Amino acid sequence: MRKSDKTYARITVVLLCALMIIVVFPLLYVLSSSLKTNSEIIAYPGKLFTAHPTFQNYIDAFTSDVFDLKHMIWNSTYYTFFSVIFTLLSSVMCGYVFARGEFKLDKLLLGCFSLGLFFSMGSVTIYPTFDILNFLHIPRSLIGLLFTKFFSIGIVNIYLVRSYIYSIPKEIDEAAEMDGCNFPNVLFRVIMPMLKPIIATIGIVAFQGSWNDYLLPMIFTLSNPKSRPLVVGLVALSHSGEAAANYNIMFAGTTLALLPVLIAYAFLNKYFVSGLSAGAVKG
């Protein structure tokens, strides 16, 4: 290896280490603060570690009268679960149809869906969405938000699945059809088991986005605080007049909010990396 290459490698390692510290430090600070007493957090906010760690904060978080942690975790769990299921089903089915389906105007239809990549309506669509939900007598809650997600289209996910399916020989579909499988059976019984890497990739991204989603769940639960998911509840507590007295509970709740995403990524990391790289370059 040339001297210039070694220098470049060392600089790269130093930059990556610095980036790792920047990313990991907030997580470490939240975790360490969740083990401090509330008085210690207020008195020494810049102190990273504590000499007397305690798990009482987690017990207080589960038994607090001002912060219904158990109910918020349940709200986040079922909202995230169905969001991920809807995302995976729509992505896999649409990706398969656009990759294997032969119908008129398929490219035009895919192009119309792709316009969503270049236009973002943002909060403009919230009021029309509320009007539709009111017309259908669907309450403004997480259930109503899940109803809207059921009809949403993730065009990036569709492209990932479509590109991955292009890497699977079409002869497999034809062999399944010769054995008597129809179009849906070919997808769910033959092709879908081969899509584990890309499904894991989309699932992790959808899980992280839904679990940490704030704006729409906050808007949809304004009139019903009991249906708030965990992230919305934590932000609401931090902006309340009781925030200073509950810093320890907020840090404990934030740590619990971080754990599911970290655990999911830890177990599905190999599928995530392989699926993302395969879906990005194949097709």
C-alpha atoms as a PDB file:
ATOM      1  CA  MET A   1       0.000   0.000   0.000  1.00  0.00           C
ATOM      2  CA  ARG A   2       1.334   3.413  -0.961  1.00  0.00           C
ATOM      3  CA  LYS A   3       2.011   6.068   1.658  1.00  0.00           C
ATOM      4  CA  SER A   4      -0.759   8.296   0.297  1.00  0.00           C
ATOM      5  CA  ASP A   5      -3.220   5.398   0.542  1.00  0.00           C
ATOM      6  CA  LYS A   6      -2.257   4.777   4.162  1.00  0.00           C
ATOM      7  CA  THR A   7      -2.720   8.459   4.979  1.00  0.00           C
ATOM      8  CA  TYR A   8      -6.127   8.464   3.295  1.00  0.00           C
ATOM      9  CA  ALA A   9      -7.135   5.328   5.233  1.00  0.00           C
ATOM     10  CA  ARG A  10      -6.083   6.858   8.545  1.00  0.00           C
ATOM     11  CA  ILE A  11      -7.992  10.083   7.856  1.00  0.00           C
ATOM     12  CA  THR A  12     -11.050   8.029   6.943  1.00  0.00           C
ATOM     13  CA  VAL A  13     -10.843   6.034  10.182  1.00  0.00           C
ATOM     14  CA  VAL A  14     -10.489   9.228  12.245  1.00  0.00           C
ATOM     15  CA  LEU A  15     -13.500  10.810  10.544  1.00  0.00           C
ATOM     16  CA  LEU A  16     -15.590   7.664  11.021  1.00  0.00           C
ATOM     17  CA  CYS A  17     -14.633   7.518  14.718  1.00  0.00           C
ATOM     18  CA  ALA A  18     -15.587  11.164  15.142  1.00  0.00           C
ATOM     19  CA  LEU A  19     -18.913  10.548  13.409  1.00  0.00           C
ATOM     20  CA  MET A  20     -19.540   7.513  15.616  1.00  0.00           C
ATOM     21  CA  ILE A  21     -18.944   9.610  18.757  1.00  0.00           C
ATOM     22  CA  ILE A  22     -21.362  12.279  17.505  1.00  0.00           C
ATOM     23  CA  VAL A  23     -24.039   9.650  16.851  1.00  0.00           C
ATOM     24  CA  VAL A  24     -23.526   7.565  20.005  1.00  0.00           C
ATOM     25  CA  PHE A  25     -23.059  10.393  22.540  1.00  0.00           C
ATOM     26  CA  PRO A  26     -26.749  11.502  22.668  1.00  0.00           C
ATOM     27  CA  LEU A  27     -27.822   7.884  23.140  1.00  0.00           C
ATOM     28  CA  LEU A  28     -25.279   7.405  25.917  1.00  0.00           C
ATOM     29  CA  TYR A  29     -26.357  10.640  27.595  1.00  0.00           C
ATOM     30  CA  VAL A  30     -30.029   9.630  27.570  1.00  0.00           C
ATOM     31  CA  LEU A  31     -29.221   6.179  28.941  1.00  0.00           C
ATOM     32  CA  SER A  32     -27.004   7.515  31.732  1.00  0.00           C
ATOM     33  CA  SER A  33     -29.510  10.245  32.648  1.00  0.00           C
ATOM     34  CA  SER A  34     -32.254   7.633  32.955  1.00  0.00           C
ATOM     35  CA  LEU A  35     -30.219   6.135  35.815  1.00  0.00           C
ATOM     36  CA  LYS A  36     -29.912   9.428  37.740  1.00  0.00           C
ATOM     37  CA  THR A  37     -32.254  10.958  40.267  1.00  0.00           C
ATOM     38  CA  ASN A  38     -34.247  14.006  39.202  1.00  0.00           C
ATOM     39  CA  SER A  39     -32.321  16.264  41.582  1.00  0.00           C
ATOM     40  CA  GLU A  40     -28.995  15.095  40.142  1.00  0.00           C
ATOM     41  CA  ILE A  41     -30.179  15.752  36.586  1.00  0.00           C
ATOM     42  CA  ILE A  42     -31.156  19.324  37.506  1.00  0.00           C
ATOM     43  CA  ALA A  43     -28.064  20.031  39.620  1.00  0.00           C
ATOM     44  CA  TYR A  44     -25.477  18.522  37.236  1.00  0.00           C
ATOM     45  CA  PRO A  45     -26.975  18.513  33.713  1.00  0.00           C
ATOM     46  CA  GLY A  46     -23.554  18.298  32.034  1.00  0.00           C
ATOM     47  CA  LYS A  47     -22.394  15.290  34.055  1.00  0.00           C
ATOM     48  CA  LEU A  48     -22.414  12.191  31.892  1.00  0.00           C
ATOM     49  CA  PHE A  49     -22.121   9.368  34.417  1.00  0.00           C
ATOM     50  CA  THR A  50     -23.480   8.986  37.926  1.00  0.00           C
ATOM     51  CA  ALA A  51     -21.795   7.382  40.885  1.00  0.00           C
ATOM     52  CA  HIS A  52     -25.083   5.972  42.181  1.00  0.00           C
ATOM     53  CA  PRO A  53     -27.157   4.571  39.288  1.00  0.00           C
ATOM     54  CA  THR A  54     -30.743   3.633  40.058  1.00  0.00           C
ATOM     55  CA  PHE A  55     -33.524   1.862  38.189  1.00  0.00           C
ATOM     56  CA  GLN A  56     -36.192   3.586  40.268  1.00  0.00           C
ATOM     57  CA  ASN A  57     -36.870   5.956  37.365  1.00  0.00           C
ATOM     58  CA  TYR A  58     -38.233   3.085  35.289  1.00  0.00           C
ATOM     59  CA  ILE A  59     -40.457   1.963  38.134  1.00  0.00           C
ATOM     60  CA  ASP A  60     -41.697   5.533  38.573  1.00  0.00           C
ATOM     61  CA  ALA A  61     -42.355   5.814  34.844  1.00  0.00           C
ATOM     62  CA  PHE A  62     -44.607   2.741  34.897  1.00  0.00           C
ATOM     63  CA  THR A  63     -46.456   3.882  38.040  1.00  0.00           C
ATOM     64  CA  SER A  64     -46.636   7.646  37.369  1.00  0.00           C
ATOM     65  CA  ASP A  65     -50.015   9.389  37.577  1.00  0.00           C
ATOM     66  CA  VAL A  66     -49.011  12.120  35.087  1.00  0.00           C
ATOM     67  CA  PHE A  67     -47.473   9.791  32.502  1.00  0.00           C
ATOM     68  CA  ASP A  68     -49.402   6.668  31.497  1.00  0.00           C
ATOM     69  CA  LEU A  69     -46.395   4.807  30.109  1.00  0.00           C
ATOM     70  CA  LYS A  70     -47.991   1.376  29.805  1.00  0.00           C
ATOM     71  CA  HIS A  71     -50.925   2.664  27.779  1.00  0.00           C
ATOM     72  CA  MET A  72     -48.666   4.760  25.531  1.00  0.00           C
ATOM     73  CA  ILE A  73     -46.423   1.778  24.830  1.00  0.00           C
ATOM     74  CA  TRP A  74     -49.502  -0.229  23.859  1.00  0.00           C
ATOM     75  CA  ASN A  75     -50.666   2.603  21.546  1.00  0.00           C
ATOM     76  CA  SER A  76     -47.233   2.771  19.903  1.00  0.00           C
ATOM     77  CA  THR A  77     -47.093  -1.017  19.563  1.00  0.00           C
ATOM     78  CA  TYR A  78     -50.359  -1.568  17.735  1.00  0.00           C
ATOM     79  CA  TYR A  79     -49.956   1.602  15.634  1.00  0.00           C
ATOM     80  CA  THR A  80     -46.457   0.522  14.550  1.00  0.00           C
ATOM     81  CA  PHE A  81     -47.474  -3.111  13.988  1.00  0.00           C
ATOM     82  CA  PHE A  82     -50.304  -2.308  11.590  1.00  0.00           C
ATOM     83  CA  SER A  83     -48.316   0.461   9.883  1.00  0.00           C
ATOM     84  CA  VAL A  84     -45.516  -2.001   9.115  1.00  0.00           C
ATOM     85  CA  ILE A  85     -47.980  -4.656   7.897  1.00  0.00           C
ATOM     86  CA  PHE A  86     -49.732  -2.176   5.604  1.00  0.00           C
ATOM     87  CA  THR A  87     -46.416  -0.898   4.263  1.00  0.00           C
ATOM     88  CA  LEU A  88     -45.051  -4.367   3.558  1.00  0.00           C
ATOM     89  CA  LEU A  89     -48.221  -5.611   1.877  1.00  0.00           C
ATOM     90  CA  SER A  90     -48.606  -2.566  -0.367  1.00  0.00           C
ATOM     91  CA  SER A  91     -44.896  -2.475  -1.250  1.00  0.00           C
ATOM     92  CA  VAL A  92     -44.610  -6.184  -2.070  1.00  0.00           C
ATOM     93  CA  MET A  93     -47.862  -6.415  -4.026  1.00  0.00           C
ATOM     94  CA  CYS A  94     -47.292  -3.222  -6.024  1.00  0.00           C
ATOM     95  CA  GLY A  95     -43.638  -4.045  -6.633  1.00  0.00           C
ATOM     96  CA  TYR A  96     -44.540  -7.523  -7.894  1.00  0.00           C
ATOM     97  CA  VAL A  97     -47.318  -6.244 -10.141  1.00  0.00           C
ATOM     98  CA  PHE A  98     -45.092  -3.622 -11.744  1.00  0.00           C
ATOM     99  CA  ALA A  99     -42.256  -6.157 -12.159  1.00  0.00           C
ATOM    100  CA  ARG A 100     -44.212  -9.161 -13.434  1.00  0.00           C
ATOM    101  CA  GLY A 101     -47.633  -7.872 -14.386  1.00  0.00           C
ATOM    102  CA  GLU A 102     -48.390  -7.273 -18.038  1.00  0.00           C
ATOM    103  CA  PHE A 103     -51.164  -4.744 -18.484  1.00  0.00           C
ATOM    104  CA  LYS A 104     -51.793  -1.585 -20.448  1.00  0.00           C
ATOM    105  CA  LEU A 105     -50.538   1.756 -19.164  1.00  0.00           C
ATOM    106  CA  ASP A 106     -48.366   0.102 -16.489  1.00  0.00           C
ATOM    107  CA  LYS A 107     -45.494   2.503 -17.133  1.00  0.00           C
ATOM    108  CA  LEU A 108     -47.853   5.481 -17.122  1.00  0.00           C
ATOM    109  CA  LEU A 109     -49.358   4.347 -13.809  1.00  0.00           C
ATOM    110  CA  LEU A 110     -45.926   3.851 -12.255  1.00  0.00           C
ATOM    111  CA  GLY A 111     -44.922   7.286 -13.522  1.00  0.00           C
ATOM    112  CA  CYS A 112     -47.979   8.861 -11.889  1.00  0.00           C
ATOM    113  CA  PHE A 113     -47.090   7.207  -8.571  1.00  0.00           C
ATOM    114  CA  SER A 114     -43.492   8.379  -9.010  1.00  0.00           C
ATOM    115  CA  LEU A 115     -44.611  12.012  -9.094  1.00  0.00           C
ATOM    116  CA  GLY A 116     -44.914  11.746  -5.315  1.00  0.00           C
ATOM    117  CA  LEU A 117     -41.115  11.751  -5.154  1.00  0.00           C
ATOM    118  CA  PHE A 118     -40.997  15.291  -6.531  1.00  0.00           C
ATOM    119  CA  PHE A 119     -44.016  16.917  -4.889  1.00  0.00           C
ATOM    120  CA  SER A 120     -44.651  17.166  -1.169  1.00  0.00           C
ATOM    121  CA  MET A 121     -47.981  18.640  -0.134  1.00  0.00           C
ATOM    122  CA  GLY A 122     -47.057  18.512   3.546  1.00  0.00           C
ATOM    123  CA  SER A 123     -49.734  19.733   5.950  1.00  0.00           C
ATOM    124  CA  VAL A 124     -51.993  20.881   3.074  1.00  0.00           C
ATOM    125  CA  THR A 125     -53.465  17.374   2.865  1.00  0.00           C
ATOM    126  CA  ILE A 126     -54.419  17.204   6.545  1.00  0.00           C
ATOM    127  CA  TYR A 127     -57.701  19.108   6.259  1.00  0.00           C
ATOM    128  CA  PRO A 128     -58.960  17.152   3.223  1.00  0.00           C
ATOM    129  CA  THR A 129     -58.030  13.966   5.081  1.00  0.00           C
ATOM    130  CA  PHE A 130     -60.100  15.086   8.073  1.00  0.00           C
ATOM    131  CA  ASP A 131     -63.021  15.853   5.757  1.00  0.00           C
ATOM    132  CA  ILE A 132     -62.861  12.344   4.298  1.00  0.00           C
ATOM    133  CA  LEU A 133     -62.681  10.756   7.757  1.00  0.00           C
ATOM    134  CA  ASN A 134     -65.645  12.840   8.955  1.00  0.00           C
ATOM    135  CA  PHE A 135     -67.647  11.831   5.873  1.00  0.00           C
ATOM    136  CA  LEU A 136     -66.924   8.156   6.607  1.00  0.00           C
ATOM    137  CA  HIS A 137     -67.614   8.669  10.366  1.00  0.00           C
ATOM    138  CA  ILE A 138     -64.112   7.510  11.295  1.00  0.00           C
ATOM    139  CA  PRO A 139     -62.820   9.119  14.521  1.00  0.00           C
ATOM    140  CA  ARG A 140     -59.689  11.253  14.659  1.00  0.00           C
ATOM    141  CA  SER A 141     -57.477   8.804  16.467  1.00  0.00           C
ATOM    142  CA  LEU A 142     -54.712   6.348  15.722  1.00  0.00           C
ATOM    143  CA  ILE A 143     -57.369   4.132  14.126  1.00  0.00           C
ATOM    144  CA  GLY A 144     -58.223   6.934  11.717  1.00  0.00           C
ATOM    145  CA  LEU A 145     -54.537   7.513  10.985  1.00  0.00           C
ATOM    146  CA  LEU A 146     -54.058   3.804  10.265  1.00  0.00           C
ATOM    147  CA  PHE A 147     -56.998   4.002   7.865  1.00  0.00           C
ATOM    148  CA  THR A 148     -55.193   6.711   5.888  1.00  0.00           C
ATOM    149  CA  LYS A 149     -51.949   4.705   5.926  1.00  0.00           C
ATOM    150  CA  PHE A 150     -53.753   1.731   4.436  1.00  0.00           C
ATOM    151  CA  PHE A 151     -54.282   3.767   1.254  1.00  0.00           C
ATOM    152  CA  SER A 152     -50.852   5.392   1.170  1.00  0.00           C
ATOM    153  CA  ILE A 153     -48.231   4.385  -1.388  1.00  0.00           C
ATOM    154  CA  GLY A 154     -44.490   4.258  -0.641  1.00  0.00           C
ATOM    155  CA  ILE A 155     -43.056   4.631  -4.128  1.00  0.00           C
ATOM    156  CA  VAL A 156     -39.443   4.179  -2.961  1.00  0.00           C
ATOM    157  CA  ASN A 157     -40.353   0.844  -1.381  1.00  0.00           C
ATOM    158  CA  ILE A 158     -42.122  -0.191  -4.576  1.00  0.00           C
ATOM    159  CA  TYR A 159     -39.013   0.544  -6.607  1.00  0.00           C
ATOM    160  CA  LEU A 160     -36.864  -1.463  -4.179  1.00  0.00           C
ATOM    161  CA  VAL A 161     -39.145  -4.505  -4.373  1.00  0.00           C
ATOM    162  CA  ARG A 162     -39.524  -4.149  -8.140  1.00  0.00           C
ATOM    163  CA  SER A 163     -35.750  -4.034  -8.655  1.00  0.00           C
ATOM    164  CA  TYR A 164     -35.230  -7.024  -6.352  1.00  0.00           C
ATOM    165  CA  ILE A 165     -37.873  -9.098  -8.157  1.00  0.00           C
ATOM    166  CA  TYR A 166     -36.140  -8.370 -11.473  1.00  0.00           C
ATOM    167  CA  SER A 167     -33.162 -10.328 -10.098  1.00  0.00           C
ATOM    168  CA  ILE A 168     -35.340 -13.445  -9.634  1.00  0.00           C
ATOM    169  CA  PRO A 169     -35.562 -15.579 -12.812  1.00  0.00           C
ATOM    170  CA  LYS A 170     -38.979 -15.357 -14.415  1.00  0.00           C
ATOM    171  CA  GLU A 171     -38.826 -19.100 -15.071  1.00  0.00           C
ATOM    172  CA  ILE A 172     -39.679 -19.635 -11.379  1.00  0.00           C
ATOM    173  CA  ASP A 173     -43.008 -17.877 -11.903  1.00  0.00           C
ATOM    174  CA  GLU A 174     -43.685 -19.865 -15.044  1.00  0.00           C
ATOM    175  CA  ALA A 175     -42.906 -23.158 -13.286  1.00  0.00           C
ATOM    176  CA  ALA A 176     -45.291 -22.266 -10.460  1.00  0.00           C
ATOM    177  CA  GLU A 177     -48.014 -21.383 -12.962  1.00  0.00           C
ATOM    178  CA  MET A 178     -47.545 -24.721 -14.694  1.00  0.00           C
ATOM    179  CA  ASP A 179     -48.085 -26.402 -11.301  1.00  0.00           C
ATOM    180  CA  GLY A 180     -51.454 -24.666 -11.011  1.00  0.00           C
ATOM    181  CA  CYS A 181     -50.601 -21.506  -9.040  1.00  0.00           C
ATOM    182  CA  ASN A 182     -52.472 -18.370 -10.011  1.00  0.00           C
ATOM    183  CA  PHE A 183     -51.006 -14.861  -9.896  1.00  0.00           C
ATOM    184  CA  PRO A 184     -51.561 -14.227  -6.129  1.00  0.00           C
ATOM    185  CA  ASN A 185     -50.321 -17.698  -5.172  1.00  0.00           C
ATOM    186  CA  VAL A 186     -47.133 -17.207  -7.146  1.00  0.00           C
ATOM    187  CA  LEU A 187     -46.499 -14.004  -5.210  1.00  0.00           C
ATOM    188  CA  PHE A 188     -47.317 -15.147  -1.681  1.00  0.00           C
ATOM    189  CA  ARG A 189     -46.213 -18.794  -1.849  1.00  0.00           C
ATOM    190  CA  VAL A 190     -43.262 -18.716  -4.237  1.00  0.00           C
ATOM    191  CA  ILE A 191     -41.802 -15.239  -4.648  1.00  0.00           C
ATOM    192  CA  MET A 192     -42.419 -13.717  -1.227  1.00  0.00           C
ATOM    193  CA  PRO A 193     -40.168 -16.198   0.682  1.00  0.00           C
ATOM    194  CA  MET A 194     -37.336 -15.085  -1.622  1.00  0.00           C
ATOM    195  CA  LEU A 195     -37.839 -11.446  -0.667  1.00  0.00           C
ATOM    196  CA  LYS A 196     -36.681 -11.736   2.943  1.00  0.00           C
ATOM    197  CA  PRO A 197     -33.759  -9.262   2.624  1.00  0.00           C
ATOM    198  CA  ILE A 198     -35.784  -6.518   0.957  1.00  0.00           C
ATOM    199  CA  ILE A 199     -38.772  -7.145   3.241  1.00  0.00           C
ATOM    200  CA  ALA A 200     -36.474  -6.792   6.251  1.00  0.00           C
ATOM    201  CA  THR A 201     -35.086  -3.555   4.824  1.00  0.00           C
ATOM    202  CA  ILE A 202     -38.512  -2.028   4.244  1.00  0.00           C
ATOM    203  CA  GLY A 203     -39.788  -3.409   7.561  1.00  0.00           C
ATOM    204  CA  ILE A 204     -37.013  -1.815   9.613  1.00  0.00           C
ATOM    205  CA  VAL A 205     -37.422   1.562   7.908  1.00  0.00           C
ATOM    206  CA  ALA A 206     -41.205   1.402   8.313  1.00  0.00           C
ATOM    207  CA  PHE A 207     -40.864   0.298  11.952  1.00  0.00           C
ATOM    208  CA  GLN A 208     -38.467   3.135  12.769  1.00  0.00           C
ATOM    209  CA  GLY A 209     -40.629   5.702  10.974  1.00  0.00           C
ATOM    210  CA  SER A 210     -43.890   4.592  12.592  1.00  0.00           C
ATOM    211  CA  TRP A 211     -42.495   4.119  16.107  1.00  0.00           C
ATOM    212  CA  ASN A 212     -40.842   7.558  16.064  1.00  0.00           C
ATOM    213  CA  ASP A 213     -43.611   9.300  14.105  1.00  0.00           C
ATOM    214  CA  TYR A 214     -44.699  12.478  15.853  1.00  0.00           C
ATOM    215  CA  LEU A 215     -46.522  15.059  13.719  1.00  0.00           C
ATOM    216  CA  LEU A 216     -49.485  13.090  12.373  1.00  0.00           C
ATOM    217  CA  PRO A 217     -50.078  11.019  15.545  1.00  0.00           C
ATOM    218  CA  MET A 218     -49.969  14.257  17.538  1.00  0.00           C
ATOM    219  CA  ILE A 219     -52.543  15.917  15.251  1.00  0.00           C
ATOM    220  CA  PHE A 220     -54.820  12.885  15.189  1.00  0.00           C
ATOM    221  CA  THR A 221     -54.775  12.485  19.000  1.00  0.00           C
ATOM    222  CA  LEU A 222     -55.194  16.141  20.033  1.00  0.00           C
ATOM    223  CA  SER A 223     -58.789  15.548  21.066  1.00  0.00           C
ATOM    224  CA  ASN A 224     -58.042  12.174  22.669  1.00  0.00           C
ATOM    225  CA  PRO A 225     -54.856  12.251  24.807  1.00  0.00           C
ATOM    226  CA  LYS A 226     -55.404   8.664  25.966  1.00  0.00           C
ATOM    227  CA  SER A 227     -54.668   7.413  22.453  1.00  0.00           C
ATOM    228  CA  ARG A 228     -51.265   9.116  22.263  1.00  0.00           C
ATOM    229  CA  PRO A 229     -48.302   6.946  21.296  1.00  0.00           C
ATOM    230  CA  LEU A 230     -45.148   7.036  23.398  1.00  0.00           C
ATOM    231  CA  VAL A 231     -43.190   9.650  21.416  1.00  0.00           C
ATOM    232  CA  VAL A 232     -46.119  12.069  21.371  1.00  0.00           C
ATOM    233  CA  GLY A 233     -46.630  11.569  25.112  1.00  0.00           C
ATOM    234  CA  LEU A 234     -42.956  12.260  25.853  1.00  0.00           C
ATOM    235  CA  VAL A 235     -42.977  15.507  23.878  1.00  0.00           C
ATOM    236  CA  ALA A 236     -46.241  16.579  25.519  1.00  0.00           C
ATOM    237  CA  LEU A 237     -44.763  15.927  28.970  1.00  0.00           C
ATOM    238  CA  SER A 238     -41.601  17.892  28.131  1.00  0.00           C
ATOM    239  CA  HIS A 239     -43.739  20.920  27.188  1.00  0.00           C
ATOM    240  CA  SER A 240     -45.993  20.718  30.225  1.00  0.00           C
ATOM    241  CA  GLY A 241     -45.644  22.615  33.473  1.00  0.00           C
ATOM    242  CA  GLU A 242     -44.654  19.388  35.249  1.00  0.00           C
ATOM    243  CA  ALA A 243     -41.598  18.786  33.043  1.00  0.00           C
ATOM    244  CA  ALA A 244     -38.992  19.988  35.555  1.00  0.00           C
ATOM    245  CA  ALA A 245     -40.303  17.600  38.180  1.00  0.00           C
ATOM    246  CA  ASN A 246     -40.251  14.625  35.810  1.00  0.00           C
ATOM    247  CA  TYR A 247     -36.949  14.790  33.939  1.00  0.00           C
ATOM    248  CA  ASN A 248     -36.037  11.358  35.270  1.00  0.00           C
ATOM    249  CA  ILE A 249     -39.302   9.886  33.966  1.00  0.00           C
ATOM    250  CA  MET A 250     -38.787  11.517  30.567  1.00  0.00           C
ATOM    251  CA  PHE A 251     -35.290  10.095  30.238  1.00  0.00           C
ATOM    252  CA  ALA A 252     -36.497   6.649  31.285  1.00  0.00           C
ATOM    253  CA  GLY A 253     -39.368   6.834  28.817  1.00  0.00           C
ATOM    254  CA  THR A 254     -37.046   8.023  26.055  1.00  0.00           C
ATOM    255  CA  THR A 255     -34.717   5.091  26.702  1.00  0.00           C
ATOM    256  CA  LEU A 256     -37.642   2.686  26.452  1.00  0.00           C
ATOM    257  CA  ALA A 257     -38.686   4.386  23.218  1.00  0.00           C
ATOM    258  CA  LEU A 258     -35.209   3.859  21.754  1.00  0.00           C
ATOM    259  CA  LEU A 259     -34.850   0.190  22.681  1.00  0.00           C
ATOM    260  CA  PRO A 260     -37.330  -1.400  20.200  1.00  0.00           C
ATOM    261  CA  VAL A 261     -35.705   0.261  17.187  1.00  0.00           C
ATOM    262  CA  LEU A 262     -32.198  -0.669  18.330  1.00  0.00           C
ATOM    263  CA  ILE A 263     -33.227  -4.275  19.029  1.00  0.00           C
ATOM    264  CA  ALA A 264     -34.987  -4.618  15.663  1.00  0.00           C
ATOM    265  CA  TYR A 265     -31.950  -3.289  13.822  1.00  0.00           C
ATOM    266  CA  ALA A 266     -29.583  -5.527  15.797  1.00  0.00           C
ATOM    267  CA  PHE A 267     -31.468  -8.697  14.826  1.00  0.00           C
ATOM    268  CA  LEU A 268     -32.240  -7.729  11.210  1.00  0.00           C
ATOM    269  CA  ASN A 269     -29.052  -5.853  10.374  1.00  0.00           C
ATOM    270  CA  LYS A 270     -27.668  -8.459   7.941  1.00  0.00           C
ATOM    271  CA  TYR A 271     -30.951  -8.566   6.013  1.00  0.00           C
ATOM    272  CA  PHE A 272     -31.177  -4.783   6.054  1.00  0.00           C
ATOM    273  CA  VAL A 273     -27.747  -4.264   4.479  1.00  0.00           C
ATOM    274  CA  SER A 274     -28.080  -7.025   1.868  1.00  0.00           C
ATOM    275  CA  GLY A 275     -31.629  -6.034   0.940  1.00  0.00           C
ATOM    276  CA  LEU A 276     -30.815  -2.349   0.566  1.00  0.00           C
ATOM    277  CA  SER A 277     -27.755  -2.970  -1.579  1.00  0.00           C
ATOM    278  CA  ALA A 278     -29.534  -5.566  -3.732  1.00  0.00           C
ATOM    279  CA  GLY A 279     -32.617  -3.429  -4.262  1.00  0.00           C
ATOM    280  CA  ALA A 280     -30.465  -0.449  -5.156  1.00  0.00           C
ATOM    281  CA  VAL A 281     -28.307  -2.045  -7.854  1.00  0.00           C
ATOM    282  CA  LYS A 282     -30.352  -4.832  -9.415  1.00  0.00           C
ATOM    283  CA  GLY A 283     -32.984  -4.415 -12.063  1.00  0.00           C
END
